[in-house]
Amino acid sequence: MTMSCLENSILERGIAYKNEGQYDEAVAAFKEVLEKDPNSCDAHHQLGLVYGFTGLFDESLEELQKAVQLAAERVDIRLDLALTYSMLGMYDEATAEFQEVLRLDPNNKRATDSLKFIKEMLG
């Protein structure tokens, strides 16, 4: 299902709010998109990022995981989920996601560097 022009403009407004640090407004915009289209991987992805920025890590993981379920081939979403896992010390989950990123994008430097970092950290 493609997003309507209205939903797309609401999503873009939410991203602008996020980029300006207006997180409450961003959350409201992304939730509005999800009311109209519960399967919007972009709204789940962006909502997950905002939750992470504001310290709501359980909610962040939940939204990022939903986004990955809806768009398993999206490298950007998987990378954000992997980075969130890593930041939270969930290294097994992070490693699995970084490996999946590299399966989809074998030259992804961020995933390669992050896996190397985790390996060095864990000894």
PDB file of N, CA and C in Angstrom:
ATOM      1  N   MET A   1       0.846  -1.183   0.000  1.00  0.00           N
ATOM      2  CA  MET A   1       0.000   0.000   0.000  1.00  0.00           C
ATOM      3  C   MET A   1       0.891   1.245   0.000  1.00  0.00           C
ATOM      4  N   THR A   2       0.602   2.156  -0.893  1.00  0.00           N
ATOM      5  CA  THR A   2       1.391   3.385  -0.921  1.00  0.00           C
ATOM      6  C   THR A   2       0.736   4.435  -0.036  1.00  0.00           C
ATOM      7  N   MET A   3       1.567   5.320   0.428  1.00  0.00           N
ATOM      8  CA  MET A   3       1.102   6.366   1.324  1.00  0.00           C
ATOM      9  C   MET A   3       0.406   7.457   0.516  1.00  0.00           C
ATOM     10  N   SER A   4      -0.674   7.994   1.043  1.00  0.00           N
ATOM     11  CA  SER A   4      -1.341   9.102   0.375  1.00  0.00           C
ATOM     12  C   SER A   4      -0.475  10.348   0.488  1.00  0.00           C
ATOM     13  N   CYS A   5      -0.791  11.330  -0.341  1.00  0.00           N
ATOM     14  CA  CYS A   5      -0.043  12.598  -0.286  1.00  0.00           C
ATOM     15  C   CYS A   5      -0.159  13.239   1.090  1.00  0.00           C
ATOM     16  N   LEU A   6      -1.351  13.152   1.691  1.00  0.00           N
ATOM     17  CA  LEU A   6      -1.553  13.727   3.023  1.00  0.00           C
ATOM     18  C   LEU A   6      -0.677  13.017   4.047  1.00  0.00           C
ATOM     19  N   GLU A   7      -0.676  11.677   4.018  1.00  0.00           N
ATOM     20  CA  GLU A   7       0.149  10.930   4.969  1.00  0.00           C
ATOM     21  C   GLU A   7       1.624  11.240   4.762  1.00  0.00           C
ATOM     22  N   ASN A   8       2.026  11.372   3.503  1.00  0.00           N
ATOM     23  CA  ASN A   8       3.420  11.686   3.203  1.00  0.00           C
ATOM     24  C   ASN A   8       3.788  13.068   3.734  1.00  0.00           C
ATOM     25  N   SER A   9       2.882  14.041   3.595  1.00  0.00           N
ATOM     26  CA  SER A   9       3.194  15.387   4.093  1.00  0.00           C
ATOM     27  C   SER A   9       3.249  15.401   5.625  1.00  0.00           C
ATOM     28  N   ILE A  10       2.401  14.598   6.273  1.00  0.00           N
ATOM     29  CA  ILE A  10       2.446  14.501   7.738  1.00  0.00           C
ATOM     30  C   ILE A  10       3.761  13.856   8.164  1.00  0.00           C
ATOM     31  N   LEU A  11       4.179  12.801   7.460  1.00  0.00           N
ATOM     32  CA  LEU A  11       5.455  12.145   7.758  1.00  0.00           C
ATOM     33  C   LEU A  11       6.607  13.136   7.598  1.00  0.00           C
ATOM     34  N   GLU A  12       6.594  13.890   6.503  1.00  0.00           N
ATOM     35  CA  GLU A  12       7.657  14.879   6.271  1.00  0.00           C
ATOM     36  C   GLU A  12       7.667  15.942   7.363  1.00  0.00           C
ATOM     37  N   ARG A  13       6.481  16.353   7.806  1.00  0.00           N
ATOM     38  CA  ARG A  13       6.395  17.332   8.899  1.00  0.00           C
ATOM     39  C   ARG A  13       6.989  16.737  10.175  1.00  0.00           C
ATOM     40  N   GLY A  14       6.691  15.471  10.441  1.00  0.00           N
ATOM     41  CA  GLY A  14       7.251  14.797  11.610  1.00  0.00           C
ATOM     42  C   GLY A  14       8.763  14.731  11.554  1.00  0.00           C
ATOM     43  N   ILE A  15       9.306  14.440  10.375  1.00  0.00           N
ATOM     44  CA  ILE A  15      10.764  14.387  10.213  1.00  0.00           C
ATOM     45  C   ILE A  15      11.371  15.765  10.448  1.00  0.00           C
ATOM     46  N   ALA A  16      10.704  16.798   9.951  1.00  0.00           N
ATOM     47  CA  ALA A  16      11.198  18.165  10.184  1.00  0.00           C
ATOM     48  C   ALA A  16      11.192  18.483  11.680  1.00  0.00           C
ATOM     49  N   TYR A  17      10.110  18.132  12.367  1.00  0.00           N
ATOM     50  CA  TYR A  17      10.067  18.335  13.824  1.00  0.00           C
ATOM     51  C   TYR A  17      11.210  17.583  14.502  1.00  0.00           C
ATOM     52  N   LYS A  18      11.422  16.326  14.109  1.00  0.00           N
ATOM     53  CA  LYS A  18      12.496  15.518  14.700  1.00  0.00           C
ATOM     54  C   LYS A  18      13.835  16.211  14.494  1.00  0.00           C
ATOM     55  N   ASN A  19      14.078  16.668  13.275  1.00  0.00           N
ATOM     56  CA  ASN A  19      15.358  17.306  12.964  1.00  0.00           C
ATOM     57  C   ASN A  19      15.565  18.610  13.726  1.00  0.00           C
ATOM     58  N   GLU A  20      14.462  19.247  14.123  1.00  0.00           N
ATOM     59  CA  GLU A  20      14.539  20.496  14.894  1.00  0.00           C
ATOM     60  C   GLU A  20      14.545  20.232  16.403  1.00  0.00           C
ATOM     61  N   GLY A  21      14.480  18.960  16.798  1.00  0.00           N
ATOM     62  CA  GLY A  21      14.472  18.631  18.222  1.00  0.00           C
ATOM     63  C   GLY A  21      13.126  18.821  18.889  1.00  0.00           C
ATOM     64  N   GLN A  22      12.074  18.984  18.093  1.00  0.00           N
ATOM     65  CA  GLN A  22      10.716  19.135  18.638  1.00  0.00           C
ATOM     66  C   GLN A  22      10.073  17.747  18.692  1.00  0.00           C
ATOM     67  N   TYR A  23      10.506  16.974  19.684  1.00  0.00           N
ATOM     68  CA  TYR A  23      10.181  15.549  19.698  1.00  0.00           C
ATOM     69  C   TYR A  23       8.714  15.260  19.984  1.00  0.00           C
ATOM     70  N   ASP A  24       8.068  16.031  20.852  1.00  0.00           N
ATOM     71  CA  ASP A  24       6.646  15.789  21.126  1.00  0.00           C
ATOM     72  C   ASP A  24       5.821  15.969  19.859  1.00  0.00           C
ATOM     73  N   GLU A  25       6.131  17.019  19.102  1.00  0.00           N
ATOM     74  CA  GLU A  25       5.423  17.281  17.852  1.00  0.00           C
ATOM     75  C   GLU A  25       5.708  16.183  16.833  1.00  0.00           C
ATOM     76  N   ALA A  26       6.957  15.722  16.806  1.00  0.00           N
ATOM     77  CA  ALA A  26       7.327  14.645  15.880  1.00  0.00           C
ATOM     78  C   ALA A  26       6.557  13.370  16.210  1.00  0.00           C
ATOM     79  N   VAL A  27       6.509  13.009  17.490  1.00  0.00           N
ATOM     80  CA  VAL A  27       5.781  11.809  17.908  1.00  0.00           C
ATOM     81  C   VAL A  27       4.315  11.915  17.486  1.00  0.00           C
ATOM     82  N   ALA A  28       3.708  13.074  17.709  1.00  0.00           N
ATOM     83  CA  ALA A  28       2.299  13.261  17.343  1.00  0.00           C
ATOM     84  C   ALA A  28       2.101  13.069  15.838  1.00  0.00           C
ATOM     85  N   ALA A  29       3.006  13.608  15.033  1.00  0.00           N
ATOM     86  CA  ALA A  29       2.886  13.471  13.580  1.00  0.00           C
ATOM     87  C   ALA A  29       3.026  12.010  13.152  1.00  0.00           C
ATOM     88  N   PHE A  30       4.020  11.315  13.688  1.00  0.00           N
ATOM     89  CA  PHE A  30       4.222   9.916  13.297  1.00  0.00           C
ATOM     90  C   PHE A  30       3.051   9.044  13.738  1.00  0.00           C
ATOM     91  N   LYS A  31       2.501   9.324  14.923  1.00  0.00           N
ATOM     92  CA  LYS A  31       1.337   8.565  15.389  1.00  0.00           C
ATOM     93  C   LYS A  31       0.121   8.845  14.508  1.00  0.00           C
ATOM     94  N   GLU A  32       0.011  10.077  14.014  1.00  0.00           N
ATOM     95  CA  GLU A  32      -1.092  10.416  13.109  1.00  0.00           C
ATOM     96  C   GLU A  32      -0.987   9.603  11.816  1.00  0.00           C
ATOM     97  N   VAL A  33       0.224   9.482  11.290  1.00  0.00           N
ATOM     98  CA  VAL A  33       0.424   8.654  10.091  1.00  0.00           C
ATOM     99  C   VAL A  33       0.029   7.212  10.392  1.00  0.00           C
ATOM    100  N   LEU A  34       0.455   6.696  11.552  1.00  0.00           N
ATOM    101  CA  LEU A  34       0.179   5.299  11.897  1.00  0.00           C
ATOM    102  C   LEU A  34      -1.308   5.040  12.140  1.00  0.00           C
ATOM    103  N   GLU A  35      -2.058   6.064  12.559  1.00  0.00           N
ATOM    104  CA  GLU A  35      -3.510   5.904  12.693  1.00  0.00           C
ATOM    105  C   GLU A  35      -4.130   5.648  11.328  1.00  0.00           C
ATOM    106  N   LYS A  36      -3.608   6.315  10.304  1.00  0.00           N
ATOM    107  CA  LYS A  36      -4.126   6.177   8.947  1.00  0.00           C
ATOM    108  C   LYS A  36      -3.552   4.945   8.249  1.00  0.00           C
ATOM    109  N   ASP A  37      -2.299   4.623   8.555  1.00  0.00           N
ATOM    110  CA  ASP A  37      -1.622   3.483   7.927  1.00  0.00           C
ATOM    111  C   ASP A  37      -0.736   2.790   8.957  1.00  0.00           C
ATOM    112  N   PRO A  38      -1.303   1.820   9.694  1.00  0.00           N
ATOM    113  CA  PRO A  38      -0.532   1.132  10.740  1.00  0.00           C
ATOM    114  C   PRO A  38       0.699   0.397  10.215  1.00  0.00           C
ATOM    115  N   ASN A  39       0.772   0.179   8.909  1.00  0.00           N
ATOM    116  CA  ASN A  39       1.896  -0.538   8.315  1.00  0.00           C
ATOM    117  C   ASN A  39       2.912   0.386   7.656  1.00  0.00           C
ATOM    118  N   SER A  40       2.932   1.643   8.050  1.00  0.00           N
ATOM    119  CA  SER A  40       3.919   2.578   7.499  1.00  0.00           C
ATOM    120  C   SER A  40       5.282   2.303   8.137  1.00  0.00           C
ATOM    121  N   CYS A  41       6.155   1.637   7.375  1.00  0.00           N
ATOM    122  CA  CYS A  41       7.483   1.335   7.930  1.00  0.00           C
ATOM    123  C   CYS A  41       8.242   2.623   8.230  1.00  0.00           C
ATOM    124  N   ASP A  42       8.032   3.661   7.414  1.00  0.00           N
ATOM    125  CA  ASP A  42       8.744   4.918   7.646  1.00  0.00           C
ATOM    126  C   ASP A  42       8.305   5.587   8.943  1.00  0.00           C
ATOM    127  N   ALA A  43       7.003   5.562   9.230  1.00  0.00           N
ATOM    128  CA  ALA A  43       6.516   6.164  10.478  1.00  0.00           C
ATOM    129  C   ALA A  43       7.021   5.378  11.687  1.00  0.00           C
ATOM    130  N   HIS A  44       6.991   4.044  11.607  1.00  0.00           N
ATOM    131  CA  HIS A  44       7.530   3.234  12.711  1.00  0.00           C
ATOM    132  C   HIS A  44       9.025   3.513  12.896  1.00  0.00           C
ATOM    133  N   HIS A  45       9.759   3.595  11.789  1.00  0.00           N
ATOM    134  CA  HIS A  45      11.203   3.855  11.841  1.00  0.00           C
ATOM    135  C   HIS A  45      11.484   5.195  12.518  1.00  0.00           C
ATOM    136  N   GLN A  46      10.829   6.241  12.037  1.00  0.00           N
ATOM    137  CA  GLN A  46      11.076   7.579  12.574  1.00  0.00           C
ATOM    138  C   GLN A  46      10.632   7.690  14.029  1.00  0.00           C
ATOM    139  N   LEU A  47       9.507   7.066  14.368  1.00  0.00           N
ATOM    140  CA  LEU A  47       9.030   7.074  15.754  1.00  0.00           C
ATOM    141  C   LEU A  47      10.042   6.361  16.651  1.00  0.00           C
ATOM    142  N   GLY A  48      10.594   5.259  16.162  1.00  0.00           N
ATOM    143  CA  GLY A  48      11.619   4.544  16.917  1.00  0.00           C
ATOM    144  C   GLY A  48      12.847   5.395  17.172  1.00  0.00           C
ATOM    145  N   LEU A  49      13.246   6.170  16.172  1.00  0.00           N
ATOM    146  CA  LEU A  49      14.406   7.053  16.350  1.00  0.00           C
ATOM    147  C   LEU A  49      14.128   8.117  17.406  1.00  0.00           C
ATOM    148  N   VAL A  50      12.948   8.736  17.324  1.00  0.00           N
ATOM    149  CA  VAL A  50      12.604   9.783  18.301  1.00  0.00           C
ATOM    150  C   VAL A  50      12.548   9.196  19.708  1.00  0.00           C
ATOM    151  N   TYR A  51      11.943   8.035  19.853  1.00  0.00           N
ATOM    152  CA  TYR A  51      11.906   7.404  21.176  1.00  0.00           C
ATOM    153  C   TYR A  51      13.326   7.164  21.690  1.00  0.00           C
ATOM    154  N   GLY A  52      14.212   6.748  20.826  1.00  0.00           N
ATOM    155  CA  GLY A  52      15.604   6.550  21.234  1.00  0.00           C
ATOM    156  C   GLY A  52      16.257   7.846  21.671  1.00  0.00           C
ATOM    157  N   PHE A  53      15.980   8.922  20.924  1.00  0.00           N
ATOM    158  CA  PHE A  53      16.564  10.227  21.264  1.00  0.00           C
ATOM    159  C   PHE A  53      16.088  10.717  22.623  1.00  0.00           C
ATOM    160  N   THR A  54      14.870  10.313  23.012  1.00  0.00           N
ATOM    161  CA  THR A  54      14.288  10.814  24.260  1.00  0.00           C
ATOM    162  C   THR A  54      14.421   9.818  25.408  1.00  0.00           C
ATOM    163  N   GLY A  55      15.170   8.736  25.191  1.00  0.00           N
ATOM    164  CA  GLY A  55      15.444   7.795  26.270  1.00  0.00           C
ATOM    165  C   GLY A  55      14.392   6.727  26.482  1.00  0.00           C
ATOM    166  N   LEU A  56      13.415   6.640  25.595  1.00  0.00           N
ATOM    167  CA  LEU A  56      12.385   5.601  25.698  1.00  0.00           C
ATOM    168  C   LEU A  56      12.854   4.385  24.893  1.00  0.00           C
ATOM    169  N   PHE A  57      13.806   3.650  25.455  1.00  0.00           N
ATOM    170  CA  PHE A  57      14.506   2.629  24.678  1.00  0.00           C
ATOM    171  C   PHE A  57      13.656   1.401  24.377  1.00  0.00           C
ATOM    172  N   ASP A  58      12.807   0.969  25.302  1.00  0.00           N
ATOM    173  CA  ASP A  58      11.926  -0.170  25.012  1.00  0.00           C
ATOM    174  C   ASP A  58      11.000   0.167  23.845  1.00  0.00           C
ATOM    175  N   GLU A  59      10.424   1.365  23.894  1.00  0.00           N
ATOM    176  CA  GLU A  59       9.534   1.813  22.827  1.00  0.00           C
ATOM    177  C   GLU A  59      10.304   1.959  21.514  1.00  0.00           C
ATOM    178  N   SER A  60      11.531   2.464  21.616  1.00  0.00           N
ATOM    179  CA  SER A  60      12.369   2.621  20.427  1.00  0.00           C
ATOM    180  C   SER A  60      12.600   1.276  19.755  1.00  0.00           C
ATOM    181  N   LEU A  61      13.013   0.284  20.533  1.00  0.00           N
ATOM    182  CA  LEU A  61      13.251  -1.049  19.972  1.00  0.00           C
ATOM    183  C   LEU A  61      11.979  -1.628  19.365  1.00  0.00           C
ATOM    184  N   GLU A  62      10.865  -1.453  20.046  1.00  0.00           N
ATOM    185  CA  GLU A  62       9.595  -1.988  19.545  1.00  0.00           C
ATOM    186  C   GLU A  62       9.251  -1.392  18.179  1.00  0.00           C
ATOM    187  N   GLU A  63       9.384  -0.080  18.044  1.00  0.00           N
ATOM    188  CA  GLU A  63       9.052   0.575  16.774  1.00  0.00           C
ATOM    189  C   GLU A  63      10.047   0.204  15.671  1.00  0.00           C
ATOM    190  N   LEU A  64      11.330   0.159  16.008  1.00  0.00           N
ATOM    191  CA  LEU A  64      12.331  -0.210  14.999  1.00  0.00           C
ATOM    192  C   LEU A  64      12.146  -1.662  14.559  1.00  0.00           C
ATOM    193  N   GLN A  65      11.803  -2.542  15.495  1.00  0.00           N
ATOM    194  CA  GLN A  65      11.550  -3.945  15.138  1.00  0.00           C
ATOM    195  C   GLN A  65      10.332  -4.061  14.223  1.00  0.00           C
ATOM    196  N   LYS A  66       9.280  -3.281  14.504  1.00  0.00           N
ATOM    197  CA  LYS A  66       8.102  -3.276  13.624  1.00  0.00           C
ATOM    198  C   LYS A  66       8.494  -2.808  12.229  1.00  0.00           C
ATOM    199  N   ALA A  67       9.305  -1.764  12.160  1.00  0.00           N
ATOM    200  CA  ALA A  67       9.726  -1.238  10.860  1.00  0.00           C
ATOM    201  C   ALA A  67      10.507  -2.290  10.077  1.00  0.00           C
ATOM    202  N   VAL A  68      11.389  -3.016  10.757  1.00  0.00           N
ATOM    203  CA  VAL A  68      12.154  -4.080  10.089  1.00  0.00           C
ATOM    204  C   VAL A  68      11.212  -5.185   9.609  1.00  0.00           C
ATOM    205  N   GLN A  69      10.224  -5.544  10.421  1.00  0.00           N
ATOM    206  CA  GLN A  69       9.262  -6.575   9.999  1.00  0.00           C
ATOM    207  C   GLN A  69       8.513  -6.146   8.742  1.00  0.00           C
ATOM    208  N   LEU A  70       8.220  -4.860   8.642  1.00  0.00           N
ATOM    209  CA  LEU A  70       7.459  -4.345   7.503  1.00  0.00           C
ATOM    210  C   LEU A  70       8.319  -4.125   6.264  1.00  0.00           C
ATOM    211  N   ALA A  71       9.620  -3.938   6.458  1.00  0.00           N
ATOM    212  CA  ALA A  71      10.516  -3.627   5.333  1.00  0.00           C
ATOM    213  C   ALA A  71      11.871  -4.278   5.577  1.00  0.00           C
ATOM    214  N   ALA A  72      11.894  -5.597   5.515  1.00  0.00           N
ATOM    215  CA  ALA A  72      13.088  -6.366   5.895  1.00  0.00           C
ATOM    216  C   ALA A  72      14.314  -6.059   5.036  1.00  0.00           C
ATOM    217  N   GLU A  73      14.101  -5.538   3.838  1.00  0.00           N
ATOM    218  CA  GLU A  73      15.230  -5.275   2.938  1.00  0.00           C
ATOM    219  C   GLU A  73      15.772  -3.847   3.063  1.00  0.00           C
ATOM    220  N   ARG A  74      15.181  -3.037   3.927  1.00  0.00           N
ATOM    221  CA  ARG A  74      15.634  -1.647   4.089  1.00  0.00           C
ATOM    222  C   ARG A  74      16.866  -1.601   4.982  1.00  0.00           C
ATOM    223  N   VAL A  75      18.008  -1.357   4.371  1.00  0.00           N
ATOM    224  CA  VAL A  75      19.287  -1.328   5.088  1.00  0.00           C
ATOM    225  C   VAL A  75      19.291  -0.233   6.149  1.00  0.00           C
ATOM    226  N   ASP A  76      18.743   0.943   5.832  1.00  0.00           N
ATOM    227  CA  ASP A  76      18.776   2.064   6.778  1.00  0.00           C
ATOM    228  C   ASP A  76      18.050   1.729   8.077  1.00  0.00           C
ATOM    229  N   ILE A  77      16.921   1.048   7.966  1.00  0.00           N
ATOM    230  CA  ILE A  77      16.152   0.696   9.161  1.00  0.00           C
ATOM    231  C   ILE A  77      16.897  -0.364   9.976  1.00  0.00           C
ATOM    232  N   ARG A  78      17.405  -1.388   9.298  1.00  0.00           N
ATOM    233  CA  ARG A  78      18.157  -2.443   9.997  1.00  0.00           C
ATOM    234  C   ARG A  78      19.396  -1.872  10.682  1.00  0.00           C
ATOM    235  N   LEU A  79      20.051  -0.930  10.029  1.00  0.00           N
ATOM    236  CA  LEU A  79      21.244  -0.322  10.617  1.00  0.00           C
ATOM    237  C   LEU A  79      20.880   0.454  11.879  1.00  0.00           C
ATOM    238  N   ASP A  80      19.791   1.205  11.836  1.00  0.00           N
ATOM    239  CA  ASP A  80      19.366   1.940  13.036  1.00  0.00           C
ATOM    240  C   ASP A  80      18.988   0.988  14.169  1.00  0.00           C
ATOM    241  N   LEU A  81      18.341  -0.132  13.842  1.00  0.00           N
ATOM    242  CA  LEU A  81      18.014  -1.121  14.872  1.00  0.00           C
ATOM    243  C   LEU A  81      19.297  -1.714  15.456  1.00  0.00           C
ATOM    244  N   ALA A  82      20.248  -2.057  14.599  1.00  0.00           N
ATOM    245  CA  ALA A  82      21.520  -2.630  15.061  1.00  0.00           C
ATOM    246  C   ALA A  82      22.273  -1.649  15.951  1.00  0.00           C
ATOM    247  N   LEU A  83      22.306  -0.386  15.551  1.00  0.00           N
ATOM    248  CA  LEU A  83      23.004   0.633  16.346  1.00  0.00           C
ATOM    249  C   LEU A  83      22.329   0.823  17.703  1.00  0.00           C
ATOM    250  N   THR A  84      21.004   0.749  17.724  1.00  0.00           N
ATOM    251  CA  THR A  84      20.273   0.877  18.986  1.00  0.00           C
ATOM    252  C   THR A  84      20.576  -0.309  19.896  1.00  0.00           C
ATOM    253  N   TYR A  85      20.545  -1.511  19.336  1.00  0.00           N
ATOM    254  CA  TYR A  85      20.926  -2.693  20.128  1.00  0.00           C
ATOM    255  C   TYR A  85      22.329  -2.508  20.709  1.00  0.00           C
ATOM    256  N   SER A  86      23.248  -2.075  19.880  1.00  0.00           N
ATOM    257  CA  SER A  86      24.640  -1.916  20.312  1.00  0.00           C
ATOM    258  C   SER A  86      24.744  -0.889  21.433  1.00  0.00           C
ATOM    259  N   MET A  87      24.063   0.231  21.264  1.00  0.00           N
ATOM    260  CA  MET A  87      24.091   1.299  22.259  1.00  0.00           C
ATOM    261  C   MET A  87      23.557   0.810  23.605  1.00  0.00           C
ATOM    262  N   LEU A  88      22.606  -0.126  23.559  1.00  0.00           N
ATOM    263  CA  LEU A  88      21.990  -0.645  24.782  1.00  0.00           C
ATOM    264  C   LEU A  88      22.735  -1.853  25.341  1.00  0.00           C
ATOM    265  N   GLY A  89      23.863  -2.204  24.714  1.00  0.00           N
ATOM    266  CA  GLY A  89      24.655  -3.327  25.200  1.00  0.00           C
ATOM    267  C   GLY A  89      24.091  -4.684  24.824  1.00  0.00           C
ATOM    268  N   MET A  90      23.184  -4.711  23.878  1.00  0.00           N
ATOM    269  CA  MET A  90      22.579  -5.962  23.406  1.00  0.00           C
ATOM    270  C   MET A  90      23.396  -6.452  22.209  1.00  0.00           C
ATOM    271  N   TYR A  91      24.597  -6.938  22.513  1.00  0.00           N
ATOM    272  CA  TYR A  91      25.583  -7.180  21.453  1.00  0.00           C
ATOM    273  C   TYR A  91      25.253  -8.374  20.567  1.00  0.00           C
ATOM    274  N   ASP A  92      24.609  -9.407  21.095  1.00  0.00           N
ATOM    275  CA  ASP A  92      24.227 -10.540  20.246  1.00  0.00           C
ATOM    276  C   ASP A  92      23.212 -10.094  19.194  1.00  0.00           C
ATOM    277  N   GLU A  93      22.202  -9.339  19.640  1.00  0.00           N
ATOM    278  CA  GLU A  93      21.188  -8.836  18.721  1.00  0.00           C
ATOM    279  C   GLU A  93      21.805  -7.863  17.722  1.00  0.00           C
ATOM    280  N   ALA A  94      22.688  -6.991  18.215  1.00  0.00           N
ATOM    281  CA  ALA A  94      23.354  -6.030  17.336  1.00  0.00           C
ATOM    282  C   ALA A  94      24.170  -6.750  16.275  1.00  0.00           C
ATOM    283  N   THR A  95      24.925  -7.759  16.696  1.00  0.00           N
ATOM    284  CA  THR A  95      25.758  -8.512  15.758  1.00  0.00           C
ATOM    285  C   THR A  95      24.901  -9.147  14.669  1.00  0.00           C
ATOM    286  N   ALA A  96      23.792  -9.754  15.055  1.00  0.00           N
ATOM    287  CA  ALA A  96      22.905 -10.390  14.072  1.00  0.00           C
ATOM    288  C   ALA A  96      22.376  -9.366  13.070  1.00  0.00           C
ATOM    289  N   GLU A  97      21.982  -8.186  13.553  1.00  0.00           N
ATOM    290  CA  GLU A  97      21.458  -7.159  12.640  1.00  0.00           C
ATOM    291  C   GLU A  97      22.558  -6.579  11.755  1.00  0.00           C
ATOM    292  N   PHE A  98      23.737  -6.326  12.325  1.00  0.00           N
ATOM    293  CA  PHE A  98      24.840  -5.824  11.493  1.00  0.00           C
ATOM    294  C   PHE A  98      25.191  -6.839  10.407  1.00  0.00           C
ATOM    295  N   GLN A  99      25.155  -8.132  10.745  1.00  0.00           N
ATOM    296  CA  GLN A  99      25.440  -9.166   9.746  1.00  0.00           C
ATOM    297  C   GLN A  99      24.379  -9.172   8.653  1.00  0.00           C
ATOM    298  N   GLU A 100      23.134  -8.940   9.033  1.00  0.00           N
ATOM    299  CA  GLU A 100      22.060  -8.867   8.042  1.00  0.00           C
ATOM    300  C   GLU A 100      22.236  -7.634   7.157  1.00  0.00           C
ATOM    301  N   VAL A 101      22.646  -6.515   7.741  1.00  0.00           N
ATOM    302  CA  VAL A 101      22.944  -5.318   6.941  1.00  0.00           C
ATOM    303  C   VAL A 101      24.010  -5.651   5.903  1.00  0.00           C
ATOM    304  N   LEU A 102      25.055  -6.353   6.331  1.00  0.00           N
ATOM    305  CA  LEU A 102      26.139  -6.691   5.404  1.00  0.00           C
ATOM    306  C   LEU A 102      25.696  -7.706   4.355  1.00  0.00           C
ATOM    307  N   ARG A 103      24.745  -8.552   4.666  1.00  0.00           N
ATOM    308  CA  ARG A 103      24.200  -9.456   3.653  1.00  0.00           C
ATOM    309  C   ARG A 103      23.499  -8.650   2.561  1.00  0.00           C
ATOM    310  N   LEU A 104      22.764  -7.620   2.984  1.00  0.00           N
ATOM    311  CA  LEU A 104      22.030  -6.774   2.043  1.00  0.00           C
ATOM    312  C   LEU A 104      22.937  -5.772   1.341  1.00  0.00           C
ATOM    313  N   ASP A 105      23.962  -5.309   2.041  1.00  0.00           N
ATOM    314  CA  ASP A 105      24.874  -4.269   1.539  1.00  0.00           C
ATOM    315  C   ASP A 105      26.292  -4.621   1.984  1.00  0.00           C
ATOM    316  N   PRO A 106      26.970  -5.509   1.237  1.00  0.00           N
ATOM    317  CA  PRO A 106      28.273  -6.045   1.663  1.00  0.00           C
ATOM    318  C   PRO A 106      29.356  -4.992   1.909  1.00  0.00           C
ATOM    319  N   ASN A 107      29.196  -3.799   1.369  1.00  0.00           N
ATOM    320  CA  ASN A 107      30.214  -2.758   1.528  1.00  0.00           C
ATOM    321  C   ASN A 107      29.831  -1.704   2.559  1.00  0.00           C
ATOM    322  N   ASN A 108      28.855  -2.007   3.411  1.00  0.00           N
ATOM    323  CA  ASN A 108      28.396  -1.023   4.389  1.00  0.00           C
ATOM    324  C   ASN A 108      29.462  -0.828   5.468  1.00  0.00           C
ATOM    325  N   LYS A 109      30.137   0.308   5.397  1.00  0.00           N
ATOM    326  CA  LYS A 109      31.261   0.592   6.299  1.00  0.00           C
ATOM    327  C   LYS A 109      30.805   0.708   7.753  1.00  0.00           C
ATOM    328  N   ARG A 110      29.666   1.311   7.968  1.00  0.00           N
ATOM    329  CA  ARG A 110      29.175   1.495   9.344  1.00  0.00           C
ATOM    330  C   ARG A 110      28.962   0.139  10.018  1.00  0.00           C
ATOM    331  N   ALA A 111      28.365  -0.807   9.293  1.00  0.00           N
ATOM    332  CA  ALA A 111      28.129  -2.137   9.861  1.00  0.00           C
ATOM    333  C   ALA A 111      29.451  -2.867  10.081  1.00  0.00           C
ATOM    334  N   THR A 112      30.354  -2.767   9.113  1.00  0.00           N
ATOM    335  CA  THR A 112      31.664  -3.419   9.239  1.00  0.00           C
ATOM    336  C   THR A 112      32.420  -2.880  10.445  1.00  0.00           C
ATOM    337  N   ASP A 113      32.467  -1.554  10.563  1.00  0.00           N
ATOM    338  CA  ASP A 113      33.181  -0.929  11.684  1.00  0.00           C
ATOM    339  C   ASP A 113      32.535  -1.281  13.022  1.00  0.00           C
ATOM    340  N   SER A 114      31.209  -1.307  13.058  1.00  0.00           N
ATOM    341  CA  SER A 114      30.502  -1.616  14.302  1.00  0.00           C
ATOM    342  C   SER A 114      30.741  -3.058  14.733  1.00  0.00           C
ATOM    343  N   LEU A 115      30.732  -3.986  13.782  1.00  0.00           N
ATOM    344  CA  LEU A 115      31.023  -5.386  14.120  1.00  0.00           C
ATOM    345  C   LEU A 115      32.442  -5.533  14.650  1.00  0.00           C
ATOM    346  N   LYS A 116      33.372  -4.832  14.034  1.00  0.00           N
ATOM    347  CA  LYS A 116      34.767  -4.875  14.486  1.00  0.00           C
ATOM    348  C   LYS A 116      34.866  -4.342  15.919  1.00  0.00           C
ATOM    349  N   PHE A 117      34.179  -3.239  16.189  1.00  0.00           N
ATOM    350  CA  PHE A 117      34.176  -2.631  17.519  1.00  0.00           C
ATOM    351  C   PHE A 117      33.617  -3.605  18.560  1.00  0.00           C
ATOM    352  N   ILE A 118      32.485  -4.244  18.240  1.00  0.00           N
ATOM    353  CA  ILE A 118      31.875  -5.195  19.178  1.00  0.00           C
ATOM    354  C   ILE A 118      32.829  -6.354  19.447  1.00  0.00           C
ATOM    355  N   LYS A 119      33.439  -6.870  18.397  1.00  0.00           N
ATOM    356  CA  LYS A 119      34.365  -7.998  18.550  1.00  0.00           C
ATOM    357  C   LYS A 119      35.545  -7.615  19.442  1.00  0.00           C
ATOM    358  N   GLU A 120      36.096  -6.417  19.233  1.00  0.00           N
ATOM    359  CA  GLU A 120      37.226  -5.951  20.050  1.00  0.00           C
ATOM    360  C   GLU A 120      36.796  -5.741  21.498  1.00  0.00           C
ATOM    361  N   MET A 121      35.588  -5.201  21.681  1.00  0.00           N
ATOM    362  CA  MET A 121      35.096  -4.921  23.026  1.00  0.00           C
ATOM    363  C   MET A 121      34.875  -6.196  23.829  1.00  0.00           C
ATOM    364  N   LEU A 122      34.342  -7.193  23.154  1.00  0.00           N
ATOM    365  CA  LEU A 122      34.022  -8.439  23.847  1.00  0.00           C
ATOM    366  C   LEU A 122      35.230  -9.358  23.973  1.00  0.00           C
ATOM    367  N   GLY A 123      36.316  -8.970  23.278  1.00  0.00           N
ATOM    368  CA  GLY A 123      37.565  -9.728  23.380  1.00  0.00           C
ATOM    369  C   GLY A 123      37.471 -10.992  22.613  1.00  0.00           C
TER     370      GLY A 123
END
